[in-house]
Protein backbone atom coordinates (compact mmCIF):
# COMPACT_ATOMS: atom_id res chain seq x y z
CA UNK A 1 -2.22 -3.69 -2.29
CA UNK A 2 -3.68 -5.34 -5.40
CA UNK A 3 -3.96 -9.15 -5.52
CA UNK A 4 -2.07 -9.36 -8.82
CA UNK A 5 1.02 -8.14 -6.85
CA UNK A 6 0.96 -11.14 -4.49
CA UNK A 7 2.12 -14.67 -5.02
CA UNK A 8 1.34 -17.69 -2.79
CA UNK A 9 3.20 -20.85 -3.21
CA UNK A 10 4.39 -24.09 -1.39
CA UNK A 11 8.04 -24.33 -1.39
CA UNK A 12 8.05 -27.83 0.09
CA UNK A 13 5.27 -30.25 1.44
CA UNK A 14 4.76 -28.15 4.71
CA UNK A 15 6.08 -24.63 3.99
CA UNK A 16 3.88 -21.91 2.50
CA UNK A 17 5.60 -18.77 1.17
CA UNK A 18 3.69 -15.31 0.45
CA UNK A 19 5.48 -12.93 -1.58
CA UNK A 20 4.57 -9.49 -2.77
CA UNK A 21 5.42 -6.17 -4.10
CA UNK A 22 4.06 -2.66 -2.86
CA UNK A 23 4.07 0.54 -4.60
CA UNK A 24 2.51 3.52 -3.17
CA UNK A 25 2.37 7.18 -4.31
CA UNK A 26 1.40 10.18 -2.19
CA UNK A 27 0.92 13.65 -3.61
CA UNK A 28 -0.39 16.93 -1.82
CA UNK A 29 -0.67 20.44 -2.68
CA UNK A 30 -1.05 22.29 -6.19
CA UNK A 31 1.68 21.33 -8.70
CA UNK A 32 2.87 24.21 -10.76
CA UNK A 33 0.76 25.19 -13.51
CA UNK A 34 3.20 24.35 -16.24
CA UNK A 35 3.52 20.89 -15.12
CA UNK A 36 -0.08 20.42 -15.06
CA UNK A 37 -0.34 21.73 -18.73
CA UNK A 38 2.84 20.09 -20.01
CA UNK A 39 4.32 23.55 -20.91
CA UNK A 40 7.30 23.62 -18.36
CA UNK A 41 9.67 24.72 -21.11
CA UNK A 42 7.57 27.28 -22.74
CA UNK A 43 5.99 29.24 -20.01
CA UNK A 44 7.15 31.57 -17.11
CA UNK A 45 5.07 30.92 -13.94
CA UNK A 46 4.10 33.69 -11.74
CA UNK A 47 2.83 32.33 -8.23
CA UNK A 48 1.35 35.40 -6.93
CA UNK A 49 -0.59 38.55 -7.97
CA UNK A 50 2.28 41.03 -6.71
CA UNK A 51 4.36 40.54 -9.74
CA UNK A 52 4.66 42.52 -12.93
CA UNK A 53 6.39 41.37 -16.17
CA UNK A 54 7.83 43.68 -18.87
CA UNK A 55 9.10 42.59 -22.17
CA UNK A 56 12.06 44.65 -23.62
CA UNK A 57 14.25 43.50 -26.75
CA UNK A 58 13.05 39.89 -26.34
CA UNK A 59 14.20 39.81 -22.74
CA UNK A 60 11.64 39.23 -20.12
CA UNK A 61 12.09 40.57 -16.49
CA UNK A 62 9.86 40.09 -13.57
CA UNK A 63 9.35 42.82 -10.84
CA UNK A 64 7.85 41.81 -7.60
CA UNK A 65 6.63 44.14 -5.12
CA UNK A 66 7.09 42.60 -1.44
CA UNK A 67 3.91 42.72 0.60
CA UNK A 68 4.29 40.62 3.72
CA UNK A 69 0.70 40.88 4.54
CA UNK A 70 -0.34 38.87 1.44
CA UNK A 71 2.33 36.27 1.38
CA UNK A 72 0.93 32.89 0.70
CA UNK A 73 2.90 29.71 0.75
CA UNK A 74 2.30 27.36 -1.94
CA UNK A 75 3.79 23.84 -1.83
CA UNK A 76 3.62 20.47 -3.81
CA UNK A 77 4.78 17.23 -2.18
CA UNK A 78 5.07 13.97 -3.94
CA UNK A 79 6.33 10.77 -2.19
CA UNK A 80 6.66 7.30 -3.61
CA UNK A 81 7.74 4.24 -1.82
CA UNK A 82 8.34 0.89 -3.30
CA UNK A 83 9.05 -2.43 -1.70
CA UNK A 84 8.87 -6.19 -1.51
CA UNK A 85 7.68 -8.44 1.13
CA UNK A 86 7.84 -12.09 1.90
CA UNK A 87 6.51 -14.36 4.69
CA UNK A 88 6.96 -18.09 4.94
CA UNK A 89 4.78 -20.38 7.20
CA UNK A 90 5.81 -23.85 8.27
CA UNK A 91 3.14 -26.17 9.35
CA UNK A 92 3.77 -28.92 11.94
CA UNK A 93 1.21 -31.26 10.52
CA UNK A 94 0.54 -32.27 6.77
CA UNK A 95 -1.48 -30.00 4.81
CA UNK A 96 -3.86 -30.63 1.71
CA UNK A 97 -2.18 -28.37 -0.82
CA UNK A 98 -4.85 -29.16 -3.50
CA UNK A 99 -7.72 -27.55 -1.37
CA UNK A 100 -6.01 -24.27 -0.36
CA UNK A 101 -8.16 -21.37 -0.91
CA UNK A 102 -7.02 -17.70 -0.92
CA UNK A 103 -9.02 -14.37 -1.14
CA UNK A 104 -8.39 -10.75 -0.80
CA UNK A 105 -10.99 -8.30 0.38
CA UNK A 106 -10.27 -4.57 1.45
CA UNK A 107 -6.45 -5.17 1.41
CA UNK A 108 -6.81 -8.07 3.84
CA UNK A 109 -5.44 -11.52 2.42
CA UNK A 110 -7.08 -14.64 4.00
CA UNK A 111 -5.81 -18.14 3.19
CA UNK A 112 -7.49 -21.30 4.31
CA UNK A 113 -5.13 -24.34 4.48
CA UNK A 114 -6.85 -27.58 5.43
CA UNK A 115 -5.24 -30.26 7.31
CA UNK A 116 -4.46 -33.39 5.26
CA UNK A 117 -6.63 -36.44 6.24
CA UNK A 118 -4.64 -38.85 8.49
CA UNK A 119 -3.31 -41.52 6.63
CA UNK A 120 -4.47 -45.04 7.93
CA UNK A 121 -2.13 -47.81 8.91
CA UNK A 122 -1.83 -49.92 5.95
CA UNK A 123 -0.84 -53.70 6.52
CA UNK A 124 1.32 -55.11 3.84
CA UNK A 125 1.40 -58.83 3.49
CA UNK A 126 4.81 -60.55 2.92
CA UNK A 127 4.70 -62.89 -0.22
């Protein structure tokens, strides 16, 4: 997760909310050659060496000889997951919101929230 996709904010005096968005892509295998070159609408793709193409009167026909000994499976997997998360923390004691520090290293978010200094009792004189 990238730190630009994470927001940290105080929603009130004692509640901290961390929100974010995750977008992951996973791809494995070999994509078809036409997709790699951007020629999907202009090319015929032959996946193995056992096929023979012939052209007659602007028609293309493909003849494939079946050979079970040399069958190779080719695959291409592409997955994508997108999601949002939110977590709220409510503190039982007052916190110093001006001194909060956050950092992210190797995908781990660290937030340091210091306690607020204890307010001293203040005596008010009656006039």
